[in-house]
Amino acid sequence: MRRRLIGVVTFQRLEGVSFFHSSVYLGLLACAFVAHNPQPETFILGLGHGLLWIGMSLVCIVAARAHVIPFWLAVTVVVLGGLGPFAGSIGFLVADRRRLATQ
């Protein structure tokens, strides 16, 4: 199972999902604070953020163990992702630049 998962999980796919997660979170913030908490939009975006954070956390832990992403990036996504997934997206940009610099 784990080998099959790692074949599907790539750095670029995780990076894309991280940016999507940041977009969902930005939409949640806009709904909650700018649009004065309309329902069910805020609930749906909040649920999406929570599920994406849990999913990203689990997949990033497995990806770090398989050396798909660096350990520090997995920690950033897992620890800071619940409060602000922007940190994870920035972490992916930093890791991508470091990867390109070493090639």
C-alpha atoms as a PDB file:
ATOM      1  CA  MET A   1       0.000   0.000   0.000  1.00  0.00           C
ATOM      2  CA  ARG A   2       2.717   2.449   0.987  1.00  0.00           C
ATOM      3  CA  ARG A   3       4.720   1.838  -2.200  1.00  0.00           C
ATOM      4  CA  ARG A   4       1.635   2.382  -4.313  1.00  0.00           C
ATOM      5  CA  LEU A   5       0.909   5.630  -2.464  1.00  0.00           C
ATOM      6  CA  ILE A   6       4.452   6.904  -2.933  1.00  0.00           C
ATOM      7  CA  GLY A   7       4.192   6.243  -6.676  1.00  0.00           C
ATOM      8  CA  VAL A   8       1.256   8.667  -6.785  1.00  0.00           C
ATOM      9  CA  VAL A   9       2.625  11.234  -4.325  1.00  0.00           C
ATOM     10  CA  THR A  10       5.151  13.575  -5.905  1.00  0.00           C
ATOM     11  CA  PHE A  11       6.658  16.851  -4.791  1.00  0.00           C
ATOM     12  CA  GLN A  12       4.806  18.759  -7.523  1.00  0.00           C
ATOM     13  CA  ARG A  13       1.428  17.217  -6.640  1.00  0.00           C
ATOM     14  CA  LEU A  14       1.862  17.988  -2.957  1.00  0.00           C
ATOM     15  CA  GLU A  15       2.861  21.529  -3.863  1.00  0.00           C
ATOM     16  CA  GLY A  16      -0.279  21.919  -5.998  1.00  0.00           C
ATOM     17  CA  VAL A  17      -2.537  20.605  -3.243  1.00  0.00           C
ATOM     18  CA  SER A  18      -0.815  22.943  -0.785  1.00  0.00           C
ATOM     19  CA  PHE A  19      -1.604  25.954  -2.972  1.00  0.00           C
ATOM     20  CA  PHE A  20      -5.201  24.729  -3.378  1.00  0.00           C
ATOM     21  CA  HIS A  21      -5.436  24.404   0.427  1.00  0.00           C
ATOM     22  CA  SER A  22      -4.169  27.969   0.799  1.00  0.00           C
ATOM     23  CA  SER A  23      -6.843  29.119  -1.674  1.00  0.00           C
ATOM     24  CA  VAL A  24      -9.592  27.372   0.286  1.00  0.00           C
ATOM     25  CA  TYR A  25      -8.303  28.940   3.501  1.00  0.00           C
ATOM     26  CA  LEU A  26      -8.187  32.395   1.890  1.00  0.00           C
ATOM     27  CA  GLY A  27     -11.801  31.884   0.800  1.00  0.00           C
ATOM     28  CA  LEU A  28     -12.702  30.888   4.356  1.00  0.00           C
ATOM     29  CA  LEU A  29     -11.103  34.026   5.763  1.00  0.00           C
ATOM     30  CA  ALA A  30     -12.861  36.191   3.179  1.00  0.00           C
ATOM     31  CA  CYS A  31     -16.230  34.603   3.947  1.00  0.00           C
ATOM     32  CA  ALA A  32     -15.813  34.774   7.684  1.00  0.00           C
ATOM     33  CA  PHE A  33     -14.435  38.302   8.032  1.00  0.00           C
ATOM     34  CA  VAL A  34     -15.233  40.222   4.859  1.00  0.00           C
ATOM     35  CA  ALA A  35     -18.621  38.741   3.922  1.00  0.00           C
ATOM     36  CA  HIS A  36     -19.759  38.564   7.584  1.00  0.00           C
ATOM     37  CA  ASN A  37     -19.973  34.787   7.962  1.00  0.00           C
ATOM     38  CA  PRO A  38     -22.551  33.664   5.360  1.00  0.00           C
ATOM     39  CA  GLN A  39     -23.859  30.141   5.848  1.00  0.00           C
ATOM     40  CA  PRO A  40     -23.418  27.456   4.489  1.00  0.00           C
ATOM     41  CA  GLU A  41     -20.421  28.872   2.575  1.00  0.00           C
ATOM     42  CA  THR A  42     -18.324  29.437   5.693  1.00  0.00           C
ATOM     43  CA  PHE A  43     -19.144  25.968   7.000  1.00  0.00           C
ATOM     44  CA  ILE A  44     -18.222  24.296   3.691  1.00  0.00           C
ATOM     45  CA  LEU A  45     -14.936  26.190   3.391  1.00  0.00           C
ATOM     46  CA  GLY A  46     -14.115  25.502   7.049  1.00  0.00           C
ATOM     47  CA  LEU A  47     -14.821  21.805   6.605  1.00  0.00           C
ATOM     48  CA  GLY A  48     -12.735  21.779   3.420  1.00  0.00           C
ATOM     49  CA  HIS A  49      -9.838  23.461   5.218  1.00  0.00           C
ATOM     50  CA  GLY A  50      -9.992  20.984   8.093  1.00  0.00           C
ATOM     51  CA  LEU A  51     -10.157  17.916   5.880  1.00  0.00           C
ATOM     52  CA  LEU A  52      -7.401  19.203   3.601  1.00  0.00           C
ATOM     53  CA  TRP A  53      -5.186  19.891   6.614  1.00  0.00           C
ATOM     54  CA  ILE A  54      -5.714  16.390   7.996  1.00  0.00           C
ATOM     55  CA  GLY A  55      -5.124  14.799   4.592  1.00  0.00           C
ATOM     56  CA  MET A  56      -2.062  16.920   3.841  1.00  0.00           C
ATOM     57  CA  SER A  57      -0.644  16.156   7.282  1.00  0.00           C
ATOM     58  CA  LEU A  58      -0.957  12.404   6.873  1.00  0.00           C
ATOM     59  CA  VAL A  59       0.356  12.352   3.306  1.00  0.00           C
ATOM     60  CA  CYS A  60       3.266  14.700   4.128  1.00  0.00           C
ATOM     61  CA  ILE A  61       4.346  12.478   7.032  1.00  0.00           C
ATOM     62  CA  VAL A  62       4.428   9.461   4.713  1.00  0.00           C
ATOM     63  CA  ALA A  63       6.133  11.517   1.981  1.00  0.00           C
ATOM     64  CA  ALA A  64       8.828  12.690   4.401  1.00  0.00           C
ATOM     65  CA  ARG A  65       9.499   9.113   5.507  1.00  0.00           C
ATOM     66  CA  ALA A  66       9.833   8.121   1.837  1.00  0.00           C
ATOM     67  CA  HIS A  67      12.167  11.095   1.167  1.00  0.00           C
ATOM     68  CA  VAL A  68       9.763  12.729  -1.296  1.00  0.00           C
ATOM     69  CA  ILE A  69       9.818  15.958   0.714  1.00  0.00           C
ATOM     70  CA  PRO A  70      12.243  17.154   3.397  1.00  0.00           C
ATOM     71  CA  PHE A  71      11.370  16.473   7.024  1.00  0.00           C
ATOM     72  CA  TRP A  72      11.275  20.199   7.909  1.00  0.00           C
ATOM     73  CA  LEU A  73       8.631  20.759   5.231  1.00  0.00           C
ATOM     74  CA  ALA A  74       6.435  17.974   6.611  1.00  0.00           C
ATOM     75  CA  VAL A  75       6.722  19.517  10.090  1.00  0.00           C
ATOM     76  CA  THR A  76       5.767  22.931   8.681  1.00  0.00           C
ATOM     77  CA  VAL A  77       2.667  21.511   6.976  1.00  0.00           C
ATOM     78  CA  VAL A  78       1.604  19.432   9.978  1.00  0.00           C
ATOM     79  CA  VAL A  79       2.252  21.964  12.750  1.00  0.00           C
ATOM     80  CA  LEU A  80       1.428  25.262  11.056  1.00  0.00           C
ATOM     81  CA  GLY A  81      -1.046  24.006   8.448  1.00  0.00           C
ATOM     82  CA  GLY A  82      -4.004  24.000  10.806  1.00  0.00           C
ATOM     83  CA  LEU A  83      -3.552  27.663  11.647  1.00  0.00           C
ATOM     84  CA  GLY A  84      -2.382  28.903   8.289  1.00  0.00           C
ATOM     85  CA  PRO A  85      -1.632  26.747   5.271  1.00  0.00           C
ATOM     86  CA  PHE A  86       0.208  29.686   3.720  1.00  0.00           C
ATOM     87  CA  ALA A  87       3.278  28.590   5.699  1.00  0.00           C
ATOM     88  CA  GLY A  88       3.195  25.201   3.977  1.00  0.00           C
ATOM     89  CA  SER A  89       2.860  26.794   0.545  1.00  0.00           C
ATOM     90  CA  ILE A  90       5.801  29.095   1.268  1.00  0.00           C
ATOM     91  CA  GLY A  91       7.720  26.066   2.535  1.00  0.00           C
ATOM     92  CA  PHE A  92       7.102  24.279  -0.768  1.00  0.00           C
ATOM     93  CA  LEU A  93       8.451  27.299  -2.656  1.00  0.00           C
ATOM     94  CA  VAL A  94      11.578  27.367  -0.477  1.00  0.00           C
ATOM     95  CA  ALA A  95      12.110  23.607  -0.845  1.00  0.00           C
ATOM     96  CA  ASP A  96      11.603  23.862  -4.609  1.00  0.00           C
ATOM     97  CA  ARG A  97      14.236  26.591  -4.881  1.00  0.00           C
ATOM     98  CA  ARG A  98      16.646  24.555  -2.775  1.00  0.00           C
ATOM     99  CA  ARG A  99      16.025  21.495  -4.948  1.00  0.00           C
ATOM    100  CA  LEU A 100      16.658  23.473  -8.143  1.00  0.00           C
ATOM    101  CA  ALA A 101      19.805  25.035  -6.711  1.00  0.00           C
ATOM    102  CA  THR A 102      21.340  21.626  -6.002  1.00  0.00           C
ATOM    103  CA  GLN A 103      20.613  20.194  -9.447  1.00  0.00           C
END
